[in-house]
Amino acid sequence: MRTEIVSYIQSTLAKTAQIGMGGNSTSPRATALDVPSGATVTIASEKSENLLEIKVTCAGSNITGKVIKELGIFKNSTSPTTDNDMVARVNFDGIGPFTASETLELFLTIEVN
């Protein structure tokens, strides 16, 4: 069952990602990031029996001078713009500001017990 749940999350619920500059606590009713950066990011995931690791990467040239404080995972496969498609949001202490030559990598690990 754990393997099936991890596979479902990977194939259905973790299609796109966004990073943002908002950093307050997450409202359970939130459907979008507080302050999206507008940056282009790539998303990749790897799974094992009960673990899914989602890697979000962004080129520093997309976020030059910005401080990133939030990560959102979305189920929409084209772009995270549809209402009610955010399935996870993580806020954290700000990282940055970034230079054009840097690369931001964020990892979200989901474990199914």
PDB file of N, CA and C in Angstrom:
ATOM      1  N   MET A   1       0.818  -1.184   0.000  1.00  0.00           N
ATOM      2  CA  MET A   1       0.000   0.000   0.000  1.00  0.00           C
ATOM      3  C   MET A   1       0.870   1.259   0.000  1.00  0.00           C
ATOM      4  N   ARG A   2       1.958   1.232   0.787  1.00  0.00           N
ATOM      5  CA  ARG A   2       2.837   2.410   0.834  1.00  0.00           C
ATOM      6  C   ARG A   2       3.390   2.727  -0.544  1.00  0.00           C
ATOM      7  N   THR A   3       3.807   1.706  -1.268  1.00  0.00           N
ATOM      8  CA  THR A   3       4.357   1.905  -2.604  1.00  0.00           C
ATOM      9  C   THR A   3       3.326   2.521  -3.528  1.00  0.00           C
ATOM     10  N   GLU A   4       2.097   2.066  -3.434  1.00  0.00           N
ATOM     11  CA  GLU A   4       1.022   2.604  -4.276  1.00  0.00           C
ATOM     12  C   GLU A   4       0.734   4.073  -3.954  1.00  0.00           C
ATOM     13  N   ILE A   5       0.742   4.417  -2.683  1.00  0.00           N
ATOM     14  CA  ILE A   5       0.491   5.806  -2.287  1.00  0.00           C
ATOM     15  C   ILE A   5       1.612   6.715  -2.777  1.00  0.00           C
ATOM     16  N   VAL A   6       2.854   6.281  -2.608  1.00  0.00           N
ATOM     17  CA  VAL A   6       3.995   7.066  -3.084  1.00  0.00           C
ATOM     18  C   VAL A   6       3.917   7.239  -4.600  1.00  0.00           C
ATOM     19  N   SER A   7       3.587   6.186  -5.319  1.00  0.00           N
ATOM     20  CA  SER A   7       3.450   6.266  -6.778  1.00  0.00           C
ATOM     21  C   SER A   7       2.351   7.235  -7.183  1.00  0.00           C
ATOM     22  N   TYR A   8       1.232   7.213  -6.470  1.00  0.00           N
ATOM     23  CA  TYR A   8       0.127   8.124  -6.767  1.00  0.00           C
ATOM     24  C   TYR A   8       0.535   9.572  -6.549  1.00  0.00           C
ATOM     25  N   ILE A   9       1.207   9.849  -5.445  1.00  0.00           N
ATOM     26  CA  ILE A   9       1.667  11.215  -5.176  1.00  0.00           C
ATOM     27  C   ILE A   9       2.607  11.669  -6.283  1.00  0.00           C
ATOM     28  N   GLN A  10       3.540  10.806  -6.661  1.00  0.00           N
ATOM     29  CA  GLN A  10       4.517  11.161  -7.686  1.00  0.00           C
ATOM     30  C   GLN A  10       3.859  11.416  -9.036  1.00  0.00           C
ATOM     31  N   SER A  11       2.950  10.567  -9.443  1.00  0.00           N
ATOM     32  CA  SER A  11       2.379  10.665 -10.788  1.00  0.00           C
ATOM     33  C   SER A  11       1.205  11.617 -10.904  1.00  0.00           C
ATOM     34  N   THR A  12       0.515  11.896  -9.806  1.00  0.00           N
ATOM     35  CA  THR A  12      -0.714  12.675  -9.878  1.00  0.00           C
ATOM     36  C   THR A  12      -0.652  14.002  -9.131  1.00  0.00           C
ATOM     37  N   LEU A  13      -0.002  14.035  -7.994  1.00  0.00           N
ATOM     38  CA  LEU A  13      -0.071  15.220  -7.137  1.00  0.00           C
ATOM     39  C   LEU A  13       1.166  16.106  -7.174  1.00  0.00           C
ATOM     40  N   ALA A  14       2.273  15.647  -7.712  1.00  0.00           N
ATOM     41  CA  ALA A  14       3.507  16.436  -7.707  1.00  0.00           C
ATOM     42  C   ALA A  14       3.953  16.702  -9.141  1.00  0.00           C
ATOM     43  N   LYS A  15       3.186  17.529  -9.852  1.00  0.00           N
ATOM     44  CA  LYS A  15       3.450  17.785 -11.266  1.00  0.00           C
ATOM     45  C   LYS A  15       4.307  19.023 -11.500  1.00  0.00           C
ATOM     46  N   THR A  16       4.047  20.096 -10.764  1.00  0.00           N
ATOM     47  CA  THR A  16       4.796  21.342 -10.944  1.00  0.00           C
ATOM     48  C   THR A  16       5.141  21.930  -9.585  1.00  0.00           C
ATOM     49  N   ALA A  17       5.988  22.935  -9.613  1.00  0.00           N
ATOM     50  CA  ALA A  17       6.411  23.581  -8.378  1.00  0.00           C
ATOM     51  C   ALA A  17       6.568  25.071  -8.609  1.00  0.00           C
ATOM     52  N   GLN A  18       6.543  25.809  -7.519  1.00  0.00           N
ATOM     53  CA  GLN A  18       6.824  27.240  -7.518  1.00  0.00           C
ATOM     54  C   GLN A  18       7.646  27.549  -6.288  1.00  0.00           C
ATOM     55  N   ILE A  19       8.461  28.582  -6.389  1.00  0.00           N
ATOM     56  CA  ILE A  19       9.149  29.110  -5.221  1.00  0.00           C
ATOM     57  C   ILE A  19       8.658  30.526  -5.018  1.00  0.00           C
ATOM     58  N   GLY A  20       8.744  30.992  -3.761  1.00  0.00           N
ATOM     59  CA  GLY A  20       8.226  32.317  -3.493  1.00  0.00           C
ATOM     60  C   GLY A  20       8.975  33.025  -2.384  1.00  0.00           C
ATOM     61  N   MET A  21       8.560  34.268  -2.172  1.00  0.00           N
ATOM     62  CA  MET A  21       9.225  35.131  -1.203  1.00  0.00           C
ATOM     63  C   MET A  21       8.386  35.380   0.035  1.00  0.00           C
ATOM     64  N   GLY A  22       7.201  34.791   0.120  1.00  0.00           N
ATOM     65  CA  GLY A  22       6.384  34.896   1.327  1.00  0.00           C
ATOM     66  C   GLY A  22       6.877  33.885   2.337  1.00  0.00           C
ATOM     67  N   GLY A  23       6.669  34.155   3.620  1.00  0.00           N
ATOM     68  CA  GLY A  23       7.223  33.222   4.584  1.00  0.00           C
ATOM     69  C   GLY A  23       6.390  33.010   5.818  1.00  0.00           C
ATOM     70  N   ASN A  24       5.156  33.484   5.815  1.00  0.00           N
ATOM     71  CA  ASN A  24       4.342  33.285   7.011  1.00  0.00           C
ATOM     72  C   ASN A  24       3.802  31.862   7.055  1.00  0.00           C
ATOM     73  N   SER A  25       3.064  31.543   8.090  1.00  0.00           N
ATOM     74  CA  SER A  25       2.546  30.183   8.236  1.00  0.00           C
ATOM     75  C   SER A  25       1.518  29.880   7.148  1.00  0.00           C
ATOM     76  N   THR A  26       1.334  28.618   6.889  1.00  0.00           N
ATOM     77  CA  THR A  26       0.459  28.169   5.812  1.00  0.00           C
ATOM     78  C   THR A  26      -0.980  28.046   6.300  1.00  0.00           C
ATOM     79  N   SER A  27      -1.883  28.682   5.595  1.00  0.00           N
ATOM     80  CA  SER A  27      -3.301  28.526   5.880  1.00  0.00           C
ATOM     81  C   SER A  27      -3.781  27.238   5.239  1.00  0.00           C
ATOM     82  N   PRO A  28      -4.606  26.458   5.938  1.00  0.00           N
ATOM     83  CA  PRO A  28      -5.127  25.231   5.329  1.00  0.00           C
ATOM     84  C   PRO A  28      -5.999  25.502   4.103  1.00  0.00           C
ATOM     85  N   ARG A  29      -6.459  26.720   3.952  1.00  0.00           N
ATOM     86  CA  ARG A  29      -7.308  27.060   2.811  1.00  0.00           C
ATOM     87  C   ARG A  29      -6.515  27.662   1.649  1.00  0.00           C
ATOM     88  N   ALA A  30      -5.209  27.801   1.804  1.00  0.00           N
ATOM     89  CA  ALA A  30      -4.378  28.407   0.762  1.00  0.00           C
ATOM     90  C   ALA A  30      -4.388  27.560  -0.503  1.00  0.00           C
ATOM     91  N   THR A  31      -4.486  28.226  -1.640  1.00  0.00           N
ATOM     92  CA  THR A  31      -4.451  27.536  -2.929  1.00  0.00           C
ATOM     93  C   THR A  31      -3.275  28.009  -3.776  1.00  0.00           C
ATOM     94  N   ALA A  32      -2.496  28.929  -3.245  1.00  0.00           N
ATOM     95  CA  ALA A  32      -1.347  29.464  -3.986  1.00  0.00           C
ATOM     96  C   ALA A  32      -0.299  29.934  -2.984  1.00  0.00           C
ATOM     97  N   LEU A  33       0.894  30.199  -3.475  1.00  0.00           N
ATOM     98  CA  LEU A  33       1.935  30.746  -2.619  1.00  0.00           C
ATOM     99  C   LEU A  33       1.579  32.173  -2.230  1.00  0.00           C
ATOM    100  N   ASP A  34       2.123  32.630  -1.104  1.00  0.00           N
ATOM    101  CA  ASP A  34       1.855  33.998  -0.656  1.00  0.00           C
ATOM    102  C   ASP A  34       2.413  35.023  -1.641  1.00  0.00           C
ATOM    103  N   VAL A  35       3.684  34.871  -1.986  1.00  0.00           N
ATOM    104  CA  VAL A  35       4.347  35.820  -2.878  1.00  0.00           C
ATOM    105  C   VAL A  35       5.178  35.029  -3.894  1.00  0.00           C
ATOM    106  N   PRO A  36       4.551  34.556  -4.969  1.00  0.00           N
ATOM    107  CA  PRO A  36       5.294  33.769  -5.956  1.00  0.00           C
ATOM    108  C   PRO A  36       6.408  34.604  -6.589  1.00  0.00           C
ATOM    109  N   SER A  37       7.528  33.968  -6.865  1.00  0.00           N
ATOM    110  CA  SER A  37       8.662  34.680  -7.455  1.00  0.00           C
ATOM    111  C   SER A  37       8.503  34.868  -8.957  1.00  0.00           C
ATOM    112  N   GLY A  38       7.678  34.046  -9.581  1.00  0.00           N
ATOM    113  CA  GLY A  38       7.545  34.095 -11.030  1.00  0.00           C
ATOM    114  C   GLY A  38       8.677  33.395 -11.756  1.00  0.00           C
ATOM    115  N   ALA A  39       9.594  32.802 -11.003  1.00  0.00           N
ATOM    116  CA  ALA A  39      10.757  32.144 -11.591  1.00  0.00           C
ATOM    117  C   ALA A  39      10.378  30.800 -12.204  1.00  0.00           C
ATOM    118  N   THR A  40      11.076  30.438 -13.237  1.00  0.00           N
ATOM    119  CA  THR A  40      10.920  29.124 -13.858  1.00  0.00           C
ATOM    120  C   THR A  40      11.712  28.105 -13.049  1.00  0.00           C
ATOM    121  N   VAL A  41      11.060  27.012 -12.686  1.00  0.00           N
ATOM    122  CA  VAL A  41      11.722  25.964 -11.920  1.00  0.00           C
ATOM    123  C   VAL A  41      11.511  24.633 -12.619  1.00  0.00           C
ATOM    124  N   THR A  42      12.371  23.671 -12.310  1.00  0.00           N
ATOM    125  CA  THR A  42      12.177  22.311 -12.792  1.00  0.00           C
ATOM    126  C   THR A  42      11.908  21.423 -11.590  1.00  0.00           C
ATOM    127  N   ILE A  43      11.154  20.368 -11.821  1.00  0.00           N
ATOM    128  CA  ILE A  43      10.801  19.451 -10.741  1.00  0.00           C
ATOM    129  C   ILE A  43      11.143  18.029 -11.182  1.00  0.00           C
ATOM    130  N   ALA A  44      11.736  17.303 -10.281  1.00  0.00           N
ATOM    131  CA  ALA A  44      12.060  15.895 -10.530  1.00  0.00           C
ATOM    132  C   ALA A  44      11.788  15.137  -9.252  1.00  0.00           C
ATOM    133  N   SER A  45      11.505  13.871  -9.358  1.00  0.00           N
ATOM    134  CA  SER A  45      11.252  13.086  -8.152  1.00  0.00           C
ATOM    135  C   SER A  45      11.789  11.682  -8.307  1.00  0.00           C
ATOM    136  N   GLU A  46      12.180  11.136  -7.175  1.00  0.00           N
ATOM    137  CA  GLU A  46      12.630   9.751  -7.100  1.00  0.00           C
ATOM    138  C   GLU A  46      11.883   9.096  -5.964  1.00  0.00           C
ATOM    139  N   LYS A  47      11.573   7.818  -6.124  1.00  0.00           N
ATOM    140  CA  LYS A  47      10.819   7.141  -5.087  1.00  0.00           C
ATOM    141  C   LYS A  47      11.453   5.807  -4.739  1.00  0.00           C
ATOM    142  N   SER A  48      11.183   5.391  -3.525  1.00  0.00           N
ATOM    143  CA  SER A  48      11.505   4.041  -3.084  1.00  0.00           C
ATOM    144  C   SER A  48      10.204   3.457  -2.550  1.00  0.00           C
ATOM    145  N   GLU A  49      10.289   2.413  -1.786  1.00  0.00           N
ATOM    146  CA  GLU A  49       9.070   1.743  -1.316  1.00  0.00           C
ATOM    147  C   GLU A  49       8.106   2.689  -0.612  1.00  0.00           C
ATOM    148  N   ASN A  50       8.602   3.490   0.322  1.00  0.00           N
ATOM    149  CA  ASN A  50       7.696   4.364   1.071  1.00  0.00           C
ATOM    150  C   ASN A  50       8.183   5.803   1.139  1.00  0.00           C
ATOM    151  N   LEU A  51       9.105   6.188   0.273  1.00  0.00           N
ATOM    152  CA  LEU A  51       9.710   7.508   0.334  1.00  0.00           C
ATOM    153  C   LEU A  51       9.692   8.160  -1.037  1.00  0.00           C
ATOM    154  N   LEU A  52       9.298   9.435  -1.070  1.00  0.00           N
ATOM    155  CA  LEU A  52       9.322  10.216  -2.301  1.00  0.00           C
ATOM    156  C   LEU A  52      10.156  11.460  -2.035  1.00  0.00           C
ATOM    157  N   GLU A  53      11.167  11.677  -2.860  1.00  0.00           N
ATOM    158  CA  GLU A  53      11.989  12.873  -2.744  1.00  0.00           C
ATOM    159  C   GLU A  53      11.748  13.729  -3.971  1.00  0.00           C
ATOM    160  N   ILE A  54      11.249  14.944  -3.737  1.00  0.00           N
ATOM    161  CA  ILE A  54      10.955  15.875  -4.814  1.00  0.00           C
ATOM    162  C   ILE A  54      12.059  16.930  -4.813  1.00  0.00           C
ATOM    163  N   LYS A  55      12.699  17.102  -5.965  1.00  0.00           N
ATOM    164  CA  LYS A  55      13.779  18.073  -6.103  1.00  0.00           C
ATOM    165  C   LYS A  55      13.308  19.197  -7.012  1.00  0.00           C
ATOM    166  N   VAL A  56      13.409  20.423  -6.518  1.00  0.00           N
ATOM    167  CA  VAL A  56      13.026  21.606  -7.286  1.00  0.00           C
ATOM    168  C   VAL A  56      14.293  22.427  -7.515  1.00  0.00           C
ATOM    169  N   THR A  57      14.560  22.768  -8.763  1.00  0.00           N
ATOM    170  CA  THR A  57      15.772  23.485  -9.136  1.00  0.00           C
ATOM    171  C   THR A  57      15.410  24.777  -9.850  1.00  0.00           C
ATOM    172  N   CYS A  58      16.170  25.844  -9.532  1.00  0.00           N
ATOM    173  CA  CYS A  58      15.949  27.135 -10.179  1.00  0.00           C
ATOM    174  C   CYS A  58      17.298  27.788 -10.437  1.00  0.00           C
ATOM    175  N   ALA A  59      17.499  28.284 -11.648  1.00  0.00           N
ATOM    176  CA  ALA A  59      18.728  28.995 -11.996  1.00  0.00           C
ATOM    177  C   ALA A  59      18.746  30.344 -11.283  1.00  0.00           C
ATOM    178  N   GLY A  60      19.904  30.711 -10.784  1.00  0.00           N
ATOM    179  CA  GLY A  60      20.046  31.993 -10.096  1.00  0.00           C
ATOM    180  C   GLY A  60      19.683  33.183 -10.973  1.00  0.00           C
ATOM    181  N   SER A  61      19.845  33.034 -12.278  1.00  0.00           N
ATOM    182  CA  SER A  61      19.492  34.126 -13.191  1.00  0.00           C
ATOM    183  C   SER A  61      17.996  34.436 -13.165  1.00  0.00           C
ATOM    184  N   ASN A  62      17.178  33.486 -12.692  1.00  0.00           N
ATOM    185  CA  ASN A  62      15.729  33.708 -12.570  1.00  0.00           C
ATOM    186  C   ASN A  62      15.344  34.380 -11.258  1.00  0.00           C
ATOM    187  N   ILE A  63      16.253  34.370 -10.287  1.00  0.00           N
ATOM    188  CA  ILE A  63      15.924  34.907  -8.959  1.00  0.00           C
ATOM    189  C   ILE A  63      17.031  35.828  -8.432  1.00  0.00           C
ATOM    190  N   THR A  64      17.744  36.475  -9.325  1.00  0.00           N
ATOM    191  CA  THR A  64      18.848  37.349  -8.937  1.00  0.00           C
ATOM    192  C   THR A  64      18.366  38.412  -7.952  1.00  0.00           C
ATOM    193  N   GLY A  65      19.053  38.482  -6.814  1.00  0.00           N
ATOM    194  CA  GLY A  65      18.735  39.481  -5.797  1.00  0.00           C
ATOM    195  C   GLY A  65      17.554  39.148  -4.912  1.00  0.00           C
ATOM    196  N   LYS A  66      16.899  38.022  -5.129  1.00  0.00           N
ATOM    197  CA  LYS A  66      15.712  37.663  -4.349  1.00  0.00           C
ATOM    198  C   LYS A  66      16.060  36.752  -3.184  1.00  0.00           C
ATOM    199  N   VAL A  67      15.244  36.803  -2.142  1.00  0.00           N
ATOM    200  CA  VAL A  67      15.354  35.907  -0.994  1.00  0.00           C
ATOM    201  C   VAL A  67      14.146  34.983  -1.031  1.00  0.00           C
ATOM    202  N   ILE A  68      14.384  33.687  -1.110  1.00  0.00           N
ATOM    203  CA  ILE A  68      13.321  32.694  -1.247  1.00  0.00           C
ATOM    204  C   ILE A  68      12.950  32.161   0.135  1.00  0.00           C
ATOM    205  N   LYS A  69      11.626  32.096   0.407  1.00  0.00           N
ATOM    206  CA  LYS A  69      11.138  31.673   1.716  1.00  0.00           C
ATOM    207  C   LYS A  69      10.040  30.625   1.670  1.00  0.00           C
ATOM    208  N   GLU A  70       9.634  30.195   0.464  1.00  0.00           N
ATOM    209  CA  GLU A  70       8.557  29.215   0.405  1.00  0.00           C
ATOM    210  C   GLU A  70       8.662  28.367  -0.857  1.00  0.00           C
ATOM    211  N   LEU A  71       8.164  27.147  -0.737  1.00  0.00           N
ATOM    212  CA  LEU A  71       8.123  26.185  -1.832  1.00  0.00           C
ATOM    213  C   LEU A  71       6.716  25.626  -1.905  1.00  0.00           C
ATOM    214  N   GLY A  72       6.162  25.571  -3.096  1.00  0.00           N
ATOM    215  CA  GLY A  72       4.835  24.988  -3.295  1.00  0.00           C
ATOM    216  C   GLY A  72       4.892  23.882  -4.324  1.00  0.00           C
ATOM    217  N   ILE A  73       4.150  22.809  -4.066  1.00  0.00           N
ATOM    218  CA  ILE A  73       4.020  21.694  -4.999  1.00  0.00           C
ATOM    219  C   ILE A  73       2.570  21.675  -5.480  1.00  0.00           C
ATOM    220  N   PHE A  74       2.386  21.501  -6.799  1.00  0.00           N
ATOM    221  CA  PHE A  74       1.063  21.611  -7.407  1.00  0.00           C
ATOM    222  C   PHE A  74       0.744  20.375  -8.246  1.00  0.00           C
ATOM    223  N   LYS A  75      -0.553  20.070  -8.352  1.00  0.00           N
ATOM    224  CA  LYS A  75      -0.973  18.908  -9.137  1.00  0.00           C
ATOM    225  C   LYS A  75      -1.279  19.251 -10.589  1.00  0.00           C
ATOM    226  N   ASN A  76      -1.346  20.516 -10.935  1.00  0.00           N
ATOM    227  CA  ASN A  76      -1.598  20.927 -12.306  1.00  0.00           C
ATOM    228  C   ASN A  76      -0.360  20.623 -13.139  1.00  0.00           C
ATOM    229  N   SER A  77      -0.514  19.915 -14.244  1.00  0.00           N
ATOM    230  CA  SER A  77       0.649  19.462 -15.014  1.00  0.00           C
ATOM    231  C   SER A  77       1.219  20.519 -15.941  1.00  0.00           C
ATOM    232  N   THR A  78       0.511  21.629 -16.171  1.00  0.00           N
ATOM    233  CA  THR A  78       1.047  22.640 -17.094  1.00  0.00           C
ATOM    234  C   THR A  78       1.664  23.819 -16.361  1.00  0.00           C
ATOM    235  N   SER A  79       0.936  24.412 -15.444  1.00  0.00           N
ATOM    236  CA  SER A  79       1.489  25.507 -14.646  1.00  0.00           C
ATOM    237  C   SER A  79       0.639  25.649 -13.393  1.00  0.00           C
ATOM    238  N   PRO A  80       1.257  26.061 -12.302  1.00  0.00           N
ATOM    239  CA  PRO A  80       0.498  26.161 -11.049  1.00  0.00           C
ATOM    240  C   PRO A  80      -0.333  27.440 -10.977  1.00  0.00           C
ATOM    241  N   THR A  81      -1.399  27.503 -11.773  1.00  0.00           N
ATOM    242  CA  THR A  81      -2.233  28.700 -11.784  1.00  0.00           C
ATOM    243  C   THR A  81      -3.698  28.408 -11.492  1.00  0.00           C
ATOM    244  N   THR A  82      -4.105  27.170 -11.574  1.00  0.00           N
ATOM    245  CA  THR A  82      -5.495  26.801 -11.355  1.00  0.00           C
ATOM    246  C   THR A  82      -5.814  26.832  -9.869  1.00  0.00           C
ATOM    247  N   ASP A  83      -6.983  27.370  -9.517  1.00  0.00           N
ATOM    248  CA  ASP A  83      -7.384  27.385  -8.113  1.00  0.00           C
ATOM    249  C   ASP A  83      -7.412  25.977  -7.544  1.00  0.00           C
ATOM    250  N   ASN A  84      -7.074  25.862  -6.277  1.00  0.00           N
ATOM    251  CA  ASN A  84      -7.153  24.612  -5.519  1.00  0.00           C
ATOM    252  C   ASN A  84      -6.235  23.510  -6.033  1.00  0.00           C
ATOM    253  N   ASP A  85      -5.124  23.863  -6.666  1.00  0.00           N
ATOM    254  CA  ASP A  85      -4.241  22.811  -7.129  1.00  0.00           C
ATOM    255  C   ASP A  85      -2.952  22.711  -6.321  1.00  0.00           C
ATOM    256  N   MET A  86      -2.764  23.524  -5.286  1.00  0.00           N
ATOM    257  CA  MET A  86      -1.581  23.404  -4.445  1.00  0.00           C
ATOM    258  C   MET A  86      -1.802  22.261  -3.462  1.00  0.00           C
ATOM    259  N   VAL A  87      -0.885  21.309  -3.466  1.00  0.00           N
ATOM    260  CA  VAL A  87      -1.034  20.150  -2.582  1.00  0.00           C
ATOM    261  C   VAL A  87      -0.062  20.204  -1.401  1.00  0.00           C
ATOM    262  N   ALA A  88       0.979  21.040  -1.496  1.00  0.00           N
ATOM    263  CA  ALA A  88       1.918  21.180  -0.383  1.00  0.00           C
ATOM    264  C   ALA A  88       2.568  22.553  -0.454  1.00  0.00           C
ATOM    265  N   ARG A  89       2.783  23.140   0.703  1.00  0.00           N
ATOM    266  CA  ARG A  89       3.524  24.396   0.803  1.00  0.00           C
ATOM    267  C   ARG A  89       4.405  24.306   2.029  1.00  0.00           C
ATOM    268  N   VAL A  90       5.672  24.659   1.857  1.00  0.00           N
ATOM    269  CA  VAL A  90       6.617  24.653   2.958  1.00  0.00           C
ATOM    270  C   VAL A  90       7.226  26.044   3.037  1.00  0.00           C
ATOM    271  N   ASN A  91       7.123  26.670   4.200  1.00  0.00           N
ATOM    272  CA  ASN A  91       7.806  27.940   4.398  1.00  0.00           C
ATOM    273  C   ASN A  91       9.036  27.690   5.261  1.00  0.00           C
ATOM    274  N   PHE A  92      10.074  28.502   5.062  1.00  0.00           N
ATOM    275  CA  PHE A  92      11.338  28.294   5.755  1.00  0.00           C
ATOM    276  C   PHE A  92      12.044  29.632   5.904  1.00  0.00           C
ATOM    277  N   ASP A  93      13.106  29.647   6.717  1.00  0.00           N
ATOM    278  CA  ASP A  93      13.913  30.854   6.845  1.00  0.00           C
ATOM    279  C   ASP A  93      14.464  31.206   5.475  1.00  0.00           C
ATOM    280  N   GLY A  94      14.477  32.492   5.159  1.00  0.00           N
ATOM    281  CA  GLY A  94      14.893  32.954   3.845  1.00  0.00           C
ATOM    282  C   GLY A  94      16.305  32.535   3.470  1.00  0.00           C
ATOM    283  N   ILE A  95      16.469  32.180   2.204  1.00  0.00           N
ATOM    284  CA  ILE A  95      17.791  31.897   1.659  1.00  0.00           C
ATOM    285  C   ILE A  95      18.005  32.822   0.469  1.00  0.00           C
ATOM    286  N   GLY A  96      19.198  33.357   0.361  1.00  0.00           N
ATOM    287  CA  GLY A  96      19.497  34.315  -0.691  1.00  0.00           C
ATOM    288  C   GLY A  96      20.020  35.589  -0.066  1.00  0.00           C
ATOM    289  N   PRO A  97      20.192  36.636  -0.796  1.00  0.00           N
ATOM    290  CA  PRO A  97      19.868  36.811  -2.214  1.00  0.00           C
ATOM    291  C   PRO A  97      20.831  36.034  -3.111  1.00  0.00           C
ATOM    292  N   PHE A  98      20.354  35.741  -4.313  1.00  0.00           N
ATOM    293  CA  PHE A  98      21.087  34.905  -5.253  1.00  0.00           C
ATOM    294  C   PHE A  98      21.755  35.740  -6.330  1.00  0.00           C
ATOM    295  N   THR A  99      22.862  35.215  -6.832  1.00  0.00           N
ATOM    296  CA  THR A  99      23.519  35.805  -7.996  1.00  0.00           C
ATOM    297  C   THR A  99      23.132  34.989  -9.218  1.00  0.00           C
ATOM    298  N   ALA A 100      23.372  35.539 -10.387  1.00  0.00           N
ATOM    299  CA  ALA A 100      22.982  34.868 -11.633  1.00  0.00           C
ATOM    300  C   ALA A 100      23.726  33.554 -11.838  1.00  0.00           C
ATOM    301  N   SER A 101      24.904  33.398 -11.235  1.00  0.00           N
ATOM    302  CA  SER A 101      25.696  32.191 -11.465  1.00  0.00           C
ATOM    303  C   SER A 101      25.357  31.051 -10.503  1.00  0.00           C
ATOM    304  N   GLU A 102      24.485  31.288  -9.535  1.00  0.00           N
ATOM    305  CA  GLU A 102      24.129  30.257  -8.565  1.00  0.00           C
ATOM    306  C   GLU A 102      22.940  29.430  -9.047  1.00  0.00           C
ATOM    307  N   THR A 103      22.749  28.286  -8.408  1.00  0.00           N
ATOM    308  CA  THR A 103      21.582  27.439  -8.664  1.00  0.00           C
ATOM    309  C   THR A 103      20.951  27.089  -7.322  1.00  0.00           C
ATOM    310  N   LEU A 104      19.655  27.265  -7.227  1.00  0.00           N
ATOM    311  CA  LEU A 104      18.907  26.910  -6.021  1.00  0.00           C
ATOM    312  C   LEU A 104      18.356  25.502  -6.193  1.00  0.00           C
ATOM    313  N   GLU A 105      18.592  24.642  -5.199  1.00  0.00           N
ATOM    314  CA  GLU A 105      18.015  23.297  -5.181  1.00  0.00           C
ATOM    315  C   GLU A 105      17.287  23.123  -3.858  1.00  0.00           C
ATOM    316  N   LEU A 106      16.014  22.793  -3.926  1.00  0.00           N
ATOM    317  CA  LEU A 106      15.210  22.525  -2.738  1.00  0.00           C
ATOM    318  C   LEU A 106      14.706  21.091  -2.822  1.00  0.00           C
ATOM    319  N   PHE A 107      14.692  20.408  -1.687  1.00  0.00           N
ATOM    320  CA  PHE A 107      14.232  19.022  -1.641  1.00  0.00           C
ATOM    321  C   PHE A 107      13.079  18.916  -0.655  1.00  0.00           C
ATOM    322  N   LEU A 108      12.024  18.256  -1.076  1.00  0.00           N
ATOM    323  CA  LEU A 108      10.892  17.944  -0.206  1.00  0.00           C
ATOM    324  C   LEU A 108      10.802  16.429  -0.149  1.00  0.00           C
ATOM    325  N   THR A 109      10.911  15.885   1.058  1.00  0.00           N
ATOM    326  CA  THR A 109      10.851  14.441   1.244  1.00  0.00           C
ATOM    327  C   THR A 109       9.531  14.080   1.892  1.00  0.00           C
ATOM    328  N   ILE A 110       8.821  13.159   1.287  1.00  0.00           N
ATOM    329  CA  ILE A 110       7.544  12.680   1.814  1.00  0.00           C
ATOM    330  C   ILE A 110       7.710  11.195   2.131  1.00  0.00           C
ATOM    331  N   GLU A 111       7.419  10.851   3.390  1.00  0.00           N
ATOM    332  CA  GLU A 111       7.520   9.463   3.811  1.00  0.00           C
ATOM    333  C   GLU A 111       6.135   8.947   4.157  1.00  0.00           C
ATOM    334  N   VAL A 112       5.782   7.809   3.607  1.00  0.00           N
ATOM    335  CA  VAL A 112       4.492   7.170   3.879  1.00  0.00           C
ATOM    336  C   VAL A 112       4.740   6.001   4.799  1.00  0.00           C
ATOM    337  N   ASN A 113       4.154   6.046   5.993  1.00  0.00           N
ATOM    338  CA  ASN A 113       4.340   4.958   6.977  1.00  0.00           C
ATOM    339  C   ASN A 113       3.136   4.063   7.040  1.00  0.00           C
TER     340      ASN A 113
END
